[in-house]
Amino acid sequence: DQDDEEQERVARRLRWARDRELRRPLSPQHLS
């Protein structure tokens, strides 16, 4: 159970990091 909870926390952090990366503005050299 502890391992499952830890894996869920890691997966949640990865999703948050991915969402932040996707929403981060691109550099001026790139167009969205």
Full PDB file with SEQRES, HELIX, SHEET, SSBOND, CRYST1, ORIGX, SCALE, CONECT and MASTER records, all heavy atoms in Angstrom:
SEQRES   1 A   32  ASP GLN ASP ASP GLU GLU GLN GLU ARG VAL ALA ARG ARG          
SEQRES   2 A   32  LEU ARG TRP ALA ARG ASP ARG GLU LEU ARG ARG PRO LEU          
SEQRES   3 A   32  SER PRO GLN HIS LEU SER                                      
HELIX    1 AA1 GLN A    2  ARG A   23  1                                  22    
CRYST1    1.000    1.000    1.000  90.00  90.00  90.00 P 1           1          
ORIGX1      1.000000  0.000000  0.000000        0.00000                         
ORIGX2      0.000000  1.000000  0.000000        0.00000                         
ORIGX3      0.000000  0.000000  1.000000        0.00000                         
SCALE1      1.000000  0.000000  0.000000        0.00000                         
SCALE2      0.000000  1.000000  0.000000        0.00000                         
SCALE3      0.000000  0.000000  1.000000        0.00000                         
ATOM      1  N   ASP A   1       0.832  -1.206   0.000  1.00  0.00           N  
ATOM      2  CA  ASP A   1       0.000   0.000   0.000  1.00  0.00           C  
ATOM      3  C   ASP A   1       0.866   1.256   0.000  1.00  0.00           C  
ATOM      4  O   ASP A   1       0.571   2.230  -0.709  1.00  0.00           O  
ATOM      5  CB  ASP A   1      -0.921   0.005   1.224  1.00  0.00           C  
ATOM      6  CG  ASP A   1      -1.988  -1.090   1.135  1.00  0.00           C  
ATOM      7  OD1 ASP A   1      -2.250  -1.552  -0.006  1.00  0.00           O  
ATOM      8  OD2 ASP A   1      -2.546  -1.460   2.187  1.00  0.00           O  
ATOM      9  N   GLN A   2       1.946   1.225   0.814  1.00  0.00           N  
ATOM     10  CA  GLN A   2       2.833   2.387   0.846  1.00  0.00           C  
ATOM     11  C   GLN A   2       3.516   2.599  -0.503  1.00  0.00           C  
ATOM     12  O   GLN A   2       3.669   3.739  -0.957  1.00  0.00           O  
ATOM     13  CB  GLN A   2       3.875   2.214   1.952  1.00  0.00           C  
ATOM     14  CG  GLN A   2       3.293   2.246   3.357  1.00  0.00           C  
ATOM     15  CD  GLN A   2       4.346   1.982   4.412  1.00  0.00           C  
ATOM     16  OE1 GLN A   2       5.513   1.744   4.100  1.00  0.00           O  
ATOM     17  NE2 GLN A   2       3.931   1.994   5.691  1.00  0.00           N  
ATOM     18  N   ASP A   3       3.905   1.495  -1.148  1.00  0.00           N  
ATOM     19  CA  ASP A   3       4.540   1.622  -2.466  1.00  0.00           C  
ATOM     20  C   ASP A   3       3.559   2.199  -3.485  1.00  0.00           C  
ATOM     21  O   ASP A   3       3.927   3.037  -4.319  1.00  0.00           O  
ATOM     22  CB  ASP A   3       5.036   0.254  -2.934  1.00  0.00           C  
ATOM     23  CG  ASP A   3       6.203  -0.248  -2.083  1.00  0.00           C  
ATOM     24  OD1 ASP A   3       6.828   0.593  -1.399  1.00  0.00           O  
ATOM     25  OD2 ASP A   3       6.467  -1.463  -2.110  1.00  0.00           O  
ATOM     26  N   ASP A   4       2.287   1.751  -3.430  1.00  0.00           N  
ATOM     27  CA  ASP A   4       1.288   2.278  -4.366  1.00  0.00           C  
ATOM     28  C   ASP A   4       1.062   3.760  -4.144  1.00  0.00           C  
ATOM     29  O   ASP A   4       0.951   4.543  -5.106  1.00  0.00           O  
ATOM     30  CB  ASP A   4      -0.029   1.513  -4.197  1.00  0.00           C  
ATOM     31  CG  ASP A   4       0.079   0.070  -4.662  1.00  0.00           C  
ATOM     32  OD1 ASP A   4       1.024  -0.223  -5.428  1.00  0.00           O  
ATOM     33  OD2 ASP A   4      -0.765  -0.756  -4.248  1.00  0.00           O  
ATOM     34  N   GLU A   5       0.981   4.192  -2.875  1.00  0.00           N  
ATOM     35  CA  GLU A   5       0.793   5.608  -2.577  1.00  0.00           C  
ATOM     36  C   GLU A   5       1.988   6.437  -3.062  1.00  0.00           C  
ATOM     37  O   GLU A   5       1.817   7.535  -3.603  1.00  0.00           O  
ATOM     38  CB  GLU A   5       0.591   5.801  -1.081  1.00  0.00           C  
ATOM     39  CG  GLU A   5      -0.730   5.227  -0.556  1.00  0.00           C  
ATOM     40  CD  GLU A   5      -0.848   5.383   0.947  1.00  0.00           C  
ATOM     41  OE1 GLU A   5       0.115   5.927   1.541  1.00  0.00           O  
ATOM     42  OE2 GLU A   5      -1.880   4.977   1.508  1.00  0.00           O  
ATOM     43  N   GLU A   6       3.198   5.893  -2.873  1.00  0.00           N  
ATOM     44  CA  GLU A   6       4.385   6.605  -3.323  1.00  0.00           C  
ATOM     45  C   GLU A   6       4.400   6.719  -4.852  1.00  0.00           C  
ATOM     46  O   GLU A   6       4.740   7.775  -5.406  1.00  0.00           O  
ATOM     47  CB  GLU A   6       5.645   5.874  -2.837  1.00  0.00           C  
ATOM     48  CG  GLU A   6       6.948   6.560  -3.235  1.00  0.00           C  
ATOM     49  CD  GLU A   6       7.081   7.937  -2.622  1.00  0.00           C  
ATOM     50  OE1 GLU A   6       6.467   8.186  -1.572  1.00  0.00           O  
ATOM     51  OE2 GLU A   6       7.817   8.767  -3.209  1.00  0.00           O  
ATOM     52  N   GLN A   7       4.036   5.647  -5.543  1.00  0.00           N  
ATOM     53  CA  GLN A   7       3.982   5.703  -7.002  1.00  0.00           C  
ATOM     54  C   GLN A   7       2.933   6.707  -7.475  1.00  0.00           C  
ATOM     55  O   GLN A   7       3.142   7.431  -8.454  1.00  0.00           O  
ATOM     56  CB  GLN A   7       3.677   4.312  -7.564  1.00  0.00           C  
ATOM     57  CG  GLN A   7       4.810   3.315  -7.383  1.00  0.00           C  
ATOM     58  CD  GLN A   7       4.434   1.930  -7.873  1.00  0.00           C  
ATOM     59  OE1 GLN A   7       3.318   1.713  -8.357  1.00  0.00           O  
ATOM     60  NE2 GLN A   7       5.358   0.987  -7.725  1.00  0.00           N  
ATOM     61  N   GLU A   8       1.804   6.772  -6.773  1.00  0.00           N  
ATOM     62  CA  GLU A   8       0.768   7.734  -7.139  1.00  0.00           C  
ATOM     63  C   GLU A   8       1.248   9.165  -6.942  1.00  0.00           C  
ATOM     64  O   GLU A   8       0.977  10.044  -7.775  1.00  0.00           O  
ATOM     65  CB  GLU A   8      -0.485   7.475  -6.298  1.00  0.00           C  
ATOM     66  CG  GLU A   8      -1.648   8.416  -6.603  1.00  0.00           C  
ATOM     67  CD  GLU A   8      -2.149   8.290  -8.012  1.00  0.00           C  
ATOM     68  OE1 GLU A   8      -2.005   7.198  -8.601  1.00  0.00           O  
ATOM     69  OE2 GLU A   8      -2.688   9.288  -8.545  1.00  0.00           O  
ATOM     70  N   ARG A   9       1.984   9.407  -5.839  1.00  0.00           N  
ATOM     71  CA  ARG A   9       2.514  10.746  -5.607  1.00  0.00           C  
ATOM     72  C   ARG A   9       3.530  11.128  -6.684  1.00  0.00           C  
ATOM     73  O   ARG A   9       3.538  12.258  -7.170  1.00  0.00           O  
ATOM     74  CB  ARG A   9       3.158  10.824  -4.213  1.00  0.00           C  
ATOM     75  CG  ARG A   9       2.155  10.918  -3.075  1.00  0.00           C  
ATOM     76  CD  ARG A   9       2.847  11.359  -1.797  1.00  0.00           C  
ATOM     77  NE  ARG A   9       3.785  10.344  -1.330  1.00  0.00           N  
ATOM     78  CZ  ARG A   9       3.491   9.366  -0.485  1.00  0.00           C  
ATOM     79  NH1 ARG A   9       2.250   9.266  -0.017  1.00  0.00           N  
ATOM     80  NH2 ARG A   9       4.407   8.490  -0.100  1.00  0.00           N  
ATOM     81  N   VAL A  10       4.380  10.177  -7.041  1.00  0.00           N  
ATOM     82  CA  VAL A  10       5.371  10.450  -8.091  1.00  0.00           C  
ATOM     83  C   VAL A  10       4.683  10.741  -9.418  1.00  0.00           C  
ATOM     84  O   VAL A  10       5.042  11.687 -10.142  1.00  0.00           O  
ATOM     85  CB  VAL A  10       6.351   9.271  -8.224  1.00  0.00           C  
ATOM     86  CG1 VAL A  10       7.246   9.456  -9.448  1.00  0.00           C  
ATOM     87  CG2 VAL A  10       7.189   9.124  -6.968  1.00  0.00           C  
ATOM     88  N   ALA A  11       3.670   9.944  -9.756  1.00  0.00           N  
ATOM     89  CA  ALA A  11       2.943  10.155 -11.009  1.00  0.00           C  
ATOM     90  C   ALA A  11       2.238  11.507 -11.010  1.00  0.00           C  
ATOM     91  O   ALA A  11       2.202  12.206 -12.038  1.00  0.00           O  
ATOM     92  CB  ALA A  11       1.936   9.022 -11.227  1.00  0.00           C  
ATOM     93  N   ARG A  12       1.679  11.897  -9.844  1.00  0.00           N  
ATOM     94  CA  ARG A  12       0.999  13.186  -9.750  1.00  0.00           C  
ATOM     95  C   ARG A  12       1.987  14.330  -9.946  1.00  0.00           C  
ATOM     96  O   ARG A  12       1.697  15.294 -10.649  1.00  0.00           O  
ATOM     97  CB  ARG A  12       0.292  13.300  -8.401  1.00  0.00           C  
ATOM     98  CG  ARG A  12      -0.681  14.474  -8.333  1.00  0.00           C  
ATOM     99  CD  ARG A  12      -1.332  14.585  -6.966  1.00  0.00           C  
ATOM    100  NE  ARG A  12      -2.056  13.354  -6.629  1.00  0.00           N  
ATOM    101  CZ  ARG A  12      -1.738  12.545  -5.634  1.00  0.00           C  
ATOM    102  NH1 ARG A  12      -0.686  12.818  -4.857  1.00  0.00           N  
ATOM    103  NH2 ARG A  12      -2.446  11.459  -5.387  1.00  0.00           N  
ATOM    104  N   ARG A  13       3.173  14.219  -9.339  1.00  0.00           N  
ATOM    105  CA  ARG A  13       4.187  15.268  -9.513  1.00  0.00           C  
ATOM    106  C   ARG A  13       4.634  15.361 -10.963  1.00  0.00           C  
ATOM    107  O   ARG A  13       4.867  16.453 -11.484  1.00  0.00           O  
ATOM    108  CB  ARG A  13       5.386  15.002  -8.593  1.00  0.00           C  
ATOM    109  CG  ARG A  13       5.113  15.295  -7.121  1.00  0.00           C  
ATOM    110  CD  ARG A  13       6.422  15.388  -6.352  1.00  0.00           C  
ATOM    111  NE  ARG A  13       7.120  14.105  -6.339  1.00  0.00           N  
ATOM    112  CZ  ARG A  13       6.992  13.198  -5.388  1.00  0.00           C  
ATOM    113  NH1 ARG A  13       6.179  13.430  -4.364  1.00  0.00           N  
ATOM    114  NH2 ARG A  13       7.660  12.066  -5.439  1.00  0.00           N  
ATOM    115  N   LEU A  14       4.766  14.215 -11.619  1.00  0.00           N  
ATOM    116  CA  LEU A  14       5.161  14.222 -13.024  1.00  0.00           C  
ATOM    117  C   LEU A  14       4.099  14.885 -13.891  1.00  0.00           C  
ATOM    118  O   LEU A  14       4.420  15.621 -14.831  1.00  0.00           O  
ATOM    119  CB  LEU A  14       5.426  12.784 -13.499  1.00  0.00           C  
ATOM    120  CG  LEU A  14       6.673  12.100 -12.927  1.00  0.00           C  
ATOM    121  CD1 LEU A  14       6.742  10.652 -13.399  1.00  0.00           C  
ATOM    122  CD2 LEU A  14       7.935  12.855 -13.356  1.00  0.00           C  
ATOM    123  N   ARG A  15       2.813  14.619 -13.590  1.00  0.00           N  
ATOM    124  CA  ARG A  15       1.739  15.255 -14.362  1.00  0.00           C  
ATOM    125  C   ARG A  15       1.742  16.763 -14.165  1.00  0.00           C  
ATOM    126  O   ARG A  15       1.571  17.527 -15.111  1.00  0.00           O  
ATOM    127  CB  ARG A  15       0.380  14.662 -13.955  1.00  0.00           C  
ATOM    128  CG  ARG A  15       0.139  13.249 -14.472  1.00  0.00           C  
ATOM    129  CD  ARG A  15      -1.341  12.895 -14.385  1.00  0.00           C  
ATOM    130  NE  ARG A  15      -1.817  12.901 -13.005  1.00  0.00           N  
ATOM    131  CZ  ARG A  15      -1.803  11.847 -12.208  1.00  0.00           C  
ATOM    132  NH1 ARG A  15      -1.329  10.685 -12.655  1.00  0.00           N  
ATOM    133  NH2 ARG A  15      -2.268  11.927 -10.968  1.00  0.00           N  
ATOM    134  N   TRP A  16       1.932  17.197 -12.904  1.00  0.00           N  
ATOM    135  CA  TRP A  16       1.984  18.640 -12.638  1.00  0.00           C  
ATOM    136  C   TRP A  16       3.160  19.279 -13.381  1.00  0.00           C  
ATOM    137  O   TRP A  16       3.033  20.358 -13.955  1.00  0.00           O  
ATOM    138  CB  TRP A  16       2.115  18.890 -11.140  1.00  0.00           C  
ATOM    139  CG  TRP A  16       0.867  18.594 -10.375  1.00  0.00           C  
ATOM    140  CD1 TRP A  16      -0.394  18.471 -10.888  1.00  0.00           C  
ATOM    141  CD2 TRP A  16       0.751  18.390  -8.960  1.00  0.00           C  
ATOM    142  NE1 TRP A  16      -1.293  18.194  -9.886  1.00  0.00           N  
ATOM    143  CE2 TRP A  16      -0.623  18.140  -8.681  1.00  0.00           C  
ATOM    144  CE3 TRP A  16       1.656  18.388  -7.905  1.00  0.00           C  
ATOM    145  CZ2 TRP A  16      -1.083  17.902  -7.402  1.00  0.00           C  
ATOM    146  CZ3 TRP A  16       1.195  18.153  -6.624  1.00  0.00           C  
ATOM    147  CH2 TRP A  16      -0.170  17.924  -6.376  1.00  0.00           C  
ATOM    148  N   ALA A  17       4.323  18.629 -13.347  1.00  0.00           N  
ATOM    149  CA  ALA A  17       5.491  19.181 -14.037  1.00  0.00           C  
ATOM    150  C   ALA A  17       5.253  19.253 -15.542  1.00  0.00           C  
ATOM    151  O   ALA A  17       5.639  20.224 -16.203  1.00  0.00           O  
ATOM    152  CB  ALA A  17       6.725  18.321 -13.728  1.00  0.00           C  
ATOM    153  N   ARG A  18       4.608  18.212 -16.089  1.00  0.00           N  
ATOM    154  CA  ARG A  18       4.325  18.209 -17.527  1.00  0.00           C  
ATOM    155  C   ARG A  18       3.340  19.320 -17.888  1.00  0.00           C  
ATOM    156  O   ARG A  18       3.516  20.020 -18.889  1.00  0.00           O  
ATOM    157  CB  ARG A  18       3.744  16.850 -17.939  1.00  0.00           C  
ATOM    158  CG  ARG A  18       3.473  16.725 -19.431  1.00  0.00           C  
ATOM    159  CD  ARG A  18       2.740  15.439 -19.719  1.00  0.00           C  
ATOM    160  NE  ARG A  18       1.462  15.410 -19.016  1.00  0.00           N  
ATOM    161  CZ  ARG A  18       0.656  14.354 -18.963  1.00  0.00           C  
ATOM    162  NH1 ARG A  18       1.017  13.229 -19.553  1.00  0.00           N  
ATOM    163  NH2 ARG A  18      -0.486  14.426 -18.309  1.00  0.00           N  
ATOM    164  N   ASP A  19       2.304  19.509 -17.062  1.00  0.00           N  
ATOM    165  CA  ASP A  19       1.334  20.574 -17.332  1.00  0.00           C  
ATOM    166  C   ASP A  19       1.993  21.948 -17.270  1.00  0.00           C  
ATOM    167  O   ASP A  19       1.704  22.823 -18.090  1.00  0.00           O  
ATOM    168  CB  ASP A  19       0.175  20.500 -16.333  1.00  0.00           C  
ATOM    169  CG  ASP A  19      -0.696  19.267 -16.545  1.00  0.00           C  
ATOM    170  OD1 ASP A  19      -0.615  18.682 -17.645  1.00  0.00           O  
ATOM    171  OD2 ASP A  19      -1.426  18.888 -15.609  1.00  0.00           O  
ATOM    172  N   ARG A  20       2.872  22.135 -16.268  1.00  0.00           N  
ATOM    173  CA  ARG A  20       3.567  23.418 -16.179  1.00  0.00           C  
ATOM    174  C   ARG A  20       4.446  23.646 -17.397  1.00  0.00           C  
ATOM    175  O   ARG A  20       4.531  24.752 -17.921  1.00  0.00           O  
ATOM    176  CB  ARG A  20       4.415  23.471 -14.904  1.00  0.00           C  
ATOM    177  CG  ARG A  20       3.619  23.674 -13.628  1.00  0.00           C  
ATOM    178  CD  ARG A  20       4.526  24.118 -12.495  1.00  0.00           C  
ATOM    179  NE  ARG A  20       5.577  23.144 -12.220  1.00  0.00           N  
ATOM    180  CZ  ARG A  20       5.462  22.142 -11.370  1.00  0.00           C  
ATOM    181  NH1 ARG A  20       4.334  21.970 -10.693  1.00  0.00           N  
ATOM    182  NH2 ARG A  20       6.461  21.305 -11.174  1.00  0.00           N  
ATOM    183  N   GLU A  21       5.104  22.590 -17.867  1.00  0.00           N  
ATOM    184  CA  GLU A  21       5.970  22.714 -19.032  1.00  0.00           C  
ATOM    185  C   GLU A  21       5.168  23.026 -20.291  1.00  0.00           C  
ATOM    186  O   GLU A  21       5.573  23.851 -21.114  1.00  0.00           O  
ATOM    187  CB  GLU A  21       6.772  21.412 -19.224  1.00  0.00           C  
ATOM    188  CG  GLU A  21       7.684  21.417 -20.433  1.00  0.00           C  
ATOM    189  CD  GLU A  21       8.790  22.466 -20.323  1.00  0.00           C  
ATOM    190  OE1 GLU A  21       9.130  22.849 -19.190  1.00  0.00           O  
ATOM    191  OE2 GLU A  21       9.277  22.910 -21.374  1.00  0.00           O  
ATOM    192  N   LEU A  22       3.994  22.390 -20.420  1.00  0.00           N  
ATOM    193  CA  LEU A  22       3.170  22.637 -21.604  1.00  0.00           C  
ATOM    194  C   LEU A  22       2.589  24.038 -21.610  1.00  0.00           C  
ATOM    195  O   LEU A  22       2.371  24.619 -22.682  1.00  0.00           O  
ATOM    196  CB  LEU A  22       2.042  21.593 -21.664  1.00  0.00           C  
ATOM    197  CG  LEU A  22       2.459  20.162 -21.992  1.00  0.00           C  
ATOM    198  CD1 LEU A  22       1.252  19.237 -21.913  1.00  0.00           C  
ATOM    199  CD2 LEU A  22       3.102  20.081 -23.369  1.00  0.00           C  
ATOM    200  N   ARG A  23       2.310  24.582 -20.434  1.00  0.00           N  
ATOM    201  CA  ARG A  23       1.721  25.917 -20.344  1.00  0.00           C  
ATOM    202  C   ARG A  23       2.764  27.027 -20.256  1.00  0.00           C  
ATOM    203  O   ARG A  23       2.410  28.200 -20.321  1.00  0.00           O  
ATOM    204  CB  ARG A  23       0.785  25.992 -19.136  1.00  0.00           C  
ATOM    205  CG  ARG A  23      -0.427  25.092 -19.273  1.00  0.00           C  
ATOM    206  CD  ARG A  23      -1.350  25.211 -18.093  1.00  0.00           C  
ATOM    207  NE  ARG A  23      -2.490  24.315 -18.224  1.00  0.00           N  
ATOM    208  CZ  ARG A  23      -3.586  24.594 -18.900  1.00  0.00           C  
ATOM    209  NH1 ARG A  23      -3.688  25.763 -19.503  1.00  0.00           N  
ATOM    210  NH2 ARG A  23      -4.570  23.730 -18.981  1.00  0.00           N  
ATOM    211  N   ARG A  24       4.021  26.664 -20.122  1.00  0.00           N  
ATOM    212  CA  ARG A  24       5.061  27.678 -20.054  1.00  0.00           C  
ATOM    213  C   ARG A  24       5.218  28.327 -21.420  1.00  0.00           C  
ATOM    214  O   ARG A  24       5.271  27.641 -22.447  1.00  0.00           O  
ATOM    215  CB  ARG A  24       6.384  27.046 -19.622  1.00  0.00           C  
ATOM    216  CG  ARG A  24       7.535  28.040 -19.502  1.00  0.00           C  
ATOM    217  CD  ARG A  24       8.800  27.316 -19.101  1.00  0.00           C  
ATOM    218  NE  ARG A  24       8.629  26.625 -17.829  1.00  0.00           N  
ATOM    219  CZ  ARG A  24       9.515  25.766 -17.329  1.00  0.00           C  
ATOM    220  NH1 ARG A  24      10.617  25.498 -18.015  1.00  0.00           N  
ATOM    221  NH2 ARG A  24       9.296  25.176 -16.170  1.00  0.00           N  
ATOM    222  N   PRO A  25       5.266  29.675 -21.477  1.00  0.00           N  
ATOM    223  CA  PRO A  25       5.393  30.344 -22.772  1.00  0.00           C  
ATOM    224  C   PRO A  25       6.635  29.890 -23.528  1.00  0.00           C  
ATOM    225  O   PRO A  25       7.701  29.680 -22.941  1.00  0.00           O  
ATOM    226  CB  PRO A  25       5.473  31.829 -22.401  1.00  0.00           C  
ATOM    227  CG  PRO A  25       4.840  31.916 -21.050  1.00  0.00           C  
ATOM    228  CD  PRO A  25       5.156  30.623 -20.366  1.00  0.00           C  
ATOM    229  N   LEU A  26       6.496  29.755 -24.837  1.00  0.00           N  
ATOM    230  CA  LEU A  26       7.631  29.417 -25.671  1.00  0.00           C  
ATOM    231  C   LEU A  26       8.588  30.596 -25.755  1.00  0.00           C  
ATOM    232  O   LEU A  26       8.240  31.736 -25.473  1.00  0.00           O  
ATOM    233  CB  LEU A  26       7.146  29.040 -27.076  1.00  0.00           C  
ATOM    234  CG  LEU A  26       6.320  27.758 -27.193  1.00  0.00           C  
ATOM    235  CD1 LEU A  26       5.714  27.674 -28.578  1.00  0.00           C  
ATOM    236  CD2 LEU A  26       7.161  26.538 -26.918  1.00  0.00           C  
ATOM    237  N   SER A  27       9.797  30.325 -26.175  1.00  0.00           N  
ATOM    238  CA  SER A  27      10.770  31.402 -26.329  1.00  0.00           C  
ATOM    239  C   SER A  27      10.378  32.291 -27.502  1.00  0.00           C  
ATOM    240  O   SER A  27       9.594  31.896 -28.364  1.00  0.00           O  
ATOM    241  CB  SER A  27      12.163  30.797 -26.571  1.00  0.00           C  
ATOM    242  OG  SER A  27      12.188  30.139 -27.826  1.00  0.00           O  
ATOM    243  N   PRO A  28      10.936  33.524 -27.551  1.00  0.00           N  
ATOM    244  CA  PRO A  28      10.585  34.423 -28.652  1.00  0.00           C  
ATOM    245  C   PRO A  28      10.946  33.880 -30.029  1.00  0.00           C  
ATOM    246  O   PRO A  28      10.462  34.398 -31.041  1.00  0.00           O  
ATOM    247  CB  PRO A  28      11.390  35.692 -28.320  1.00  0.00           C  
ATOM    248  CG  PRO A  28      11.613  35.638 -26.854  1.00  0.00           C  
ATOM    249  CD  PRO A  28      11.752  34.175 -26.526  1.00  0.00           C  
ATOM    250  N   GLN A  29      11.800  32.860 -30.100  1.00  0.00           N  
ATOM    251  CA  GLN A  29      12.176  32.303 -31.390  1.00  0.00           C  
ATOM    252  C   GLN A  29      11.146  31.306 -31.910  1.00  0.00           C  
ATOM    253  O   GLN A  29      11.269  30.844 -33.050  1.00  0.00           O  
ATOM    254  CB  GLN A  29      13.543  31.600 -31.291  1.00  0.00           C  
ATOM    255  CG  GLN A  29      14.724  32.548 -31.185  1.00  0.00           C  
ATOM    256  CD  GLN A  29      14.855  33.178 -29.810  1.00  0.00           C  
ATOM    257  OE1 GLN A  29      14.388  32.608 -28.824  1.00  0.00           O  
ATOM    258  NE2 GLN A  29      15.478  34.335 -29.743  1.00  0.00           N  
ATOM    259  N   HIS A  30      10.141  30.972 -31.117  1.00  0.00           N  
ATOM    260  CA  HIS A  30       9.149  29.983 -31.515  1.00  0.00           C  
ATOM    261  C   HIS A  30       7.760  30.607 -31.493  1.00  0.00           C  
ATOM    262  O   HIS A  30       7.442  31.428 -30.637  1.00  0.00           O  
ATOM    263  CB  HIS A  30       9.187  28.770 -30.569  1.00  0.00           C  
ATOM    264  CG  HIS A  30      10.484  28.021 -30.598  1.00  0.00           C  
ATOM    265  ND1 HIS A  30      11.568  28.401 -29.837  1.00  0.00           N  
ATOM    266  CD2 HIS A  30      10.874  26.920 -31.308  1.00  0.00           C  
ATOM    267  CE1 HIS A  30      12.570  27.558 -30.059  1.00  0.00           C  
ATOM    268  NE2 HIS A  30      12.181  26.657 -30.947  1.00  0.00           N  
ATOM    269  N   LEU A  31       6.951  30.205 -32.452  1.00  0.00           N  
ATOM    270  CA  LEU A  31       5.568  30.651 -32.523  1.00  0.00           C  
ATOM    271  C   LEU A  31       4.657  29.531 -32.048  1.00  0.00           C  
ATOM    272  O   LEU A  31       4.890  28.358 -32.349  1.00  0.00           O  
ATOM    273  CB  LEU A  31       5.187  31.047 -33.955  1.00  0.00           C  
ATOM    274  CG  LEU A  31       5.931  32.247 -34.547  1.00  0.00           C  
ATOM    275  CD1 LEU A  31       5.497  32.466 -35.992  1.00  0.00           C  
ATOM    276  CD2 LEU A  31       5.678  33.501 -33.727  1.00  0.00           C  
ATOM    277  N   SER A  32       3.619  29.905 -31.324  1.00  0.00           N  
ATOM    278  CA  SER A  32       2.644  28.925 -30.859  1.00  0.00           C  
ATOM    279  C   SER A  32       1.481  28.851 -31.841  1.00  0.00           C  
ATOM    280  O   SER A  32       1.398  29.628 -32.809  1.00  0.00           O  
ATOM    281  CB  SER A  32       2.130  29.315 -29.470  1.00  0.00           C  
ATOM    282  OG  SER A  32       1.383  30.520 -29.546  1.00  0.00           O  
TER     283      SER A  32                                                      
MASTER        0    0    0    1    0    0    0    6  282    1    0    3          
END                                                                             
